[in-house]
Amino acid sequence: MEHDERPTTSQADSAPLLGGNPGTPGLREPFAPQAGPRNPWPTIIGMITTLSVIVIVLFMVL
């Protein structure tokens, strides 16, 4: 009987952890509109930075 009681306590301990997980998608929701197509500048800046790094590396190698 003692062995049956221990798994029930471990399930009770895991229940608050499962209840805390749905809070993480709430934190991810505000970041979704920022990454949307409304701001094309981060993509443009990233492309320019990548191209400039490639050009610099090519000149360093050559």
N, C-alpha and C. Protein backbone atom coordinates (compact mmCIF):
# COMPACT_ATOMS: atom_id res chain seq x y z
N MET A 1 0.83 -1.20 0.00
CA MET A 1 0.00 0.00 0.00
C MET A 1 0.87 1.26 0.00
N GLU A 2 2.03 1.17 0.64
CA GLU A 2 2.89 2.35 0.68
C GLU A 2 3.42 2.68 -0.71
N HIS A 3 3.66 1.66 -1.51
CA HIS A 3 4.18 1.91 -2.85
C HIS A 3 3.12 2.56 -3.74
N ASP A 4 1.85 2.29 -3.46
CA ASP A 4 0.79 2.90 -4.25
C ASP A 4 0.61 4.37 -3.89
N GLU A 5 0.95 4.75 -2.66
CA GLU A 5 0.75 6.14 -2.24
C GLU A 5 1.84 7.05 -2.82
N ARG A 6 3.02 6.53 -3.04
CA ARG A 6 4.11 7.38 -3.52
C ARG A 6 3.89 7.87 -4.96
N PRO A 7 3.42 7.02 -5.88
CA PRO A 7 3.14 7.55 -7.23
C PRO A 7 2.05 8.62 -7.24
N THR A 8 1.09 8.52 -6.32
CA THR A 8 0.03 9.53 -6.31
C THR A 8 0.59 10.87 -5.89
N THR A 9 1.56 10.88 -4.96
CA THR A 9 2.16 12.14 -4.55
C THR A 9 3.00 12.72 -5.69
N SER A 10 3.67 11.86 -6.46
CA SER A 10 4.46 12.37 -7.58
C SER A 10 3.54 12.94 -8.66
N GLN A 11 2.38 12.35 -8.86
CA GLN A 11 1.44 12.91 -9.83
C GLN A 11 0.89 14.24 -9.34
N ALA A 12 0.70 14.36 -8.03
CA ALA A 12 0.21 15.62 -7.49
C ALA A 12 1.29 16.70 -7.62
N ASP A 13 2.55 16.31 -7.52
CA ASP A 13 3.63 17.28 -7.67
C ASP A 13 3.78 17.72 -9.13
N SER A 14 3.48 16.83 -10.07
CA SER A 14 3.61 17.18 -11.48
C SER A 14 2.41 18.00 -11.97
N ALA A 15 1.32 18.01 -11.22
CA ALA A 15 0.15 18.76 -11.66
C ALA A 15 0.40 20.26 -11.71
N PRO A 16 1.07 20.88 -10.71
CA PRO A 16 1.35 22.32 -10.83
C PRO A 16 2.29 22.62 -11.99
N LEU A 17 3.19 21.70 -12.31
CA LEU A 17 4.09 21.93 -13.44
C LEU A 17 3.30 21.95 -14.75
N LEU A 18 2.32 21.06 -14.87
CA LEU A 18 1.49 21.06 -16.07
C LEU A 18 0.62 22.30 -16.13
N GLY A 19 0.23 22.81 -14.96
CA GLY A 19 -0.58 24.03 -14.94
C GLY A 19 0.24 25.26 -15.30
N GLY A 20 1.56 25.20 -15.07
CA GLY A 20 2.41 26.34 -15.38
C GLY A 20 2.79 26.42 -16.84
N ASN A 21 2.72 25.30 -17.56
CA ASN A 21 3.12 25.30 -18.96
C ASN A 21 2.21 26.13 -19.87
N PRO A 22 0.88 26.16 -19.67
CA PRO A 22 0.07 27.01 -20.55
C PRO A 22 0.38 28.49 -20.42
N GLY A 23 1.11 28.91 -19.40
CA GLY A 23 1.48 30.32 -19.28
C GLY A 23 2.56 30.72 -20.27
N THR A 24 3.35 29.77 -20.76
CA THR A 24 4.43 30.11 -21.67
C THR A 24 3.92 30.52 -23.06
N PRO A 25 2.86 29.90 -23.63
CA PRO A 25 2.36 30.43 -24.90
C PRO A 25 1.83 31.86 -24.78
N GLY A 26 1.36 32.24 -23.61
CA GLY A 26 0.91 33.61 -23.41
C GLY A 26 2.05 34.60 -23.53
N LEU A 27 3.26 34.16 -23.14
CA LEU A 27 4.42 35.02 -23.27
C LEU A 27 4.88 35.09 -24.72
N ARG A 28 4.62 34.03 -25.48
CA ARG A 28 5.06 34.03 -26.88
C ARG A 28 4.11 34.81 -27.78
N GLU A 29 2.87 35.03 -27.35
CA GLU A 29 1.91 35.72 -28.21
C GLU A 29 2.30 37.17 -28.53
N PRO A 30 2.82 37.96 -27.58
CA PRO A 30 3.18 39.34 -27.95
C PRO A 30 4.30 39.41 -28.96
N PHE A 31 5.17 38.39 -29.03
CA PHE A 31 6.28 38.42 -29.97
C PHE A 31 5.83 38.08 -31.39
N ALA A 32 4.69 37.42 -31.54
CA ALA A 32 4.24 37.01 -32.87
C ALA A 32 3.92 38.21 -33.77
N PRO A 33 3.20 39.25 -33.32
CA PRO A 33 2.94 40.38 -34.22
C PRO A 33 4.21 41.12 -34.61
N GLN A 34 5.22 41.14 -33.74
CA GLN A 34 6.46 41.84 -34.07
C GLN A 34 7.21 41.13 -35.19
N ALA A 35 7.08 39.81 -35.26
CA ALA A 35 7.78 39.04 -36.27
C ALA A 35 6.98 38.94 -37.57
N GLY A 36 5.82 39.56 -37.60
CA GLY A 36 4.96 39.47 -38.78
C GLY A 36 5.46 40.32 -39.93
N PRO A 37 4.73 40.35 -41.04
CA PRO A 37 5.16 41.10 -42.22
C PRO A 37 5.01 42.61 -42.07
N ARG A 38 4.55 43.09 -40.90
CA ARG A 38 4.39 44.53 -40.71
C ARG A 38 5.74 45.23 -40.64
N ASN A 39 6.78 44.54 -40.15
CA ASN A 39 8.12 45.14 -40.04
C ASN A 39 9.07 44.44 -41.01
N PRO A 40 9.25 44.98 -42.21
CA PRO A 40 10.19 44.35 -43.15
C PRO A 40 11.64 44.72 -42.86
N TRP A 41 11.87 45.71 -41.98
CA TRP A 41 13.23 46.21 -41.76
C TRP A 41 14.16 45.19 -41.13
N PRO A 42 13.74 44.40 -40.13
CA PRO A 42 14.67 43.40 -39.60
C PRO A 42 15.16 42.41 -40.65
N THR A 43 14.30 42.04 -41.59
CA THR A 43 14.72 41.13 -42.66
C THR A 43 15.70 41.83 -43.59
N ILE A 44 15.42 43.09 -43.93
CA ILE A 44 16.31 43.84 -44.83
C ILE A 44 17.67 44.04 -44.18
N ILE A 45 17.67 44.41 -42.90
CA ILE A 45 18.94 44.63 -42.19
C ILE A 45 19.71 43.31 -42.10
N GLY A 46 19.01 42.22 -41.86
CA GLY A 46 19.68 40.92 -41.78
C GLY A 46 20.29 40.52 -43.11
N MET A 47 19.58 40.78 -44.20
CA MET A 47 20.12 40.43 -45.52
C MET A 47 21.35 41.28 -45.83
N ILE A 48 21.29 42.59 -45.54
CA ILE A 48 22.43 43.47 -45.81
C ILE A 48 23.63 43.04 -44.98
N THR A 49 23.38 42.72 -43.71
CA THR A 49 24.49 42.29 -42.85
C THR A 49 25.10 41.00 -43.35
N THR A 50 24.26 40.05 -43.76
CA THR A 50 24.78 38.78 -44.25
C THR A 50 25.59 38.97 -45.52
N LEU A 51 25.08 39.78 -46.45
CA LEU A 51 25.80 40.01 -47.69
C LEU A 51 27.12 40.72 -47.43
N SER A 52 27.12 41.70 -46.51
CA SER A 52 28.37 42.42 -46.22
C SER A 52 29.40 41.49 -45.59
N VAL A 53 28.96 40.60 -44.71
CA VAL A 53 29.90 39.65 -44.09
C VAL A 53 30.46 38.71 -45.14
N ILE A 54 29.63 38.27 -46.08
CA ILE A 54 30.12 37.37 -47.14
C ILE A 54 31.15 38.09 -48.00
N VAL A 55 30.89 39.35 -48.35
CA VAL A 55 31.82 40.12 -49.18
C VAL A 55 33.14 40.33 -48.44
N ILE A 56 33.08 40.66 -47.15
CA ILE A 56 34.30 40.88 -46.37
C ILE A 56 35.11 39.59 -46.29
N VAL A 57 34.44 38.47 -46.07
CA VAL A 57 35.15 37.18 -45.98
C VAL A 57 35.79 36.84 -47.32
N LEU A 58 35.10 37.12 -48.43
CA LEU A 58 35.67 36.84 -49.74
C LEU A 58 36.92 37.68 -49.98
N PHE A 59 36.88 38.96 -49.60
CA PHE A 59 38.07 39.80 -49.78
C PHE A 59 39.20 39.36 -48.86
N MET A 60 38.86 38.85 -47.67
CA MET A 60 39.91 38.37 -46.76
C MET A 60 40.58 37.13 -47.35
N VAL A 61 39.78 36.25 -47.95
CA VAL A 61 40.34 35.01 -48.51
C VAL A 61 41.14 35.32 -49.78
N LEU A 62 40.62 36.17 -50.62
CA LEU A 62 41.31 36.49 -51.87
C LEU A 62 42.43 37.48 -51.58
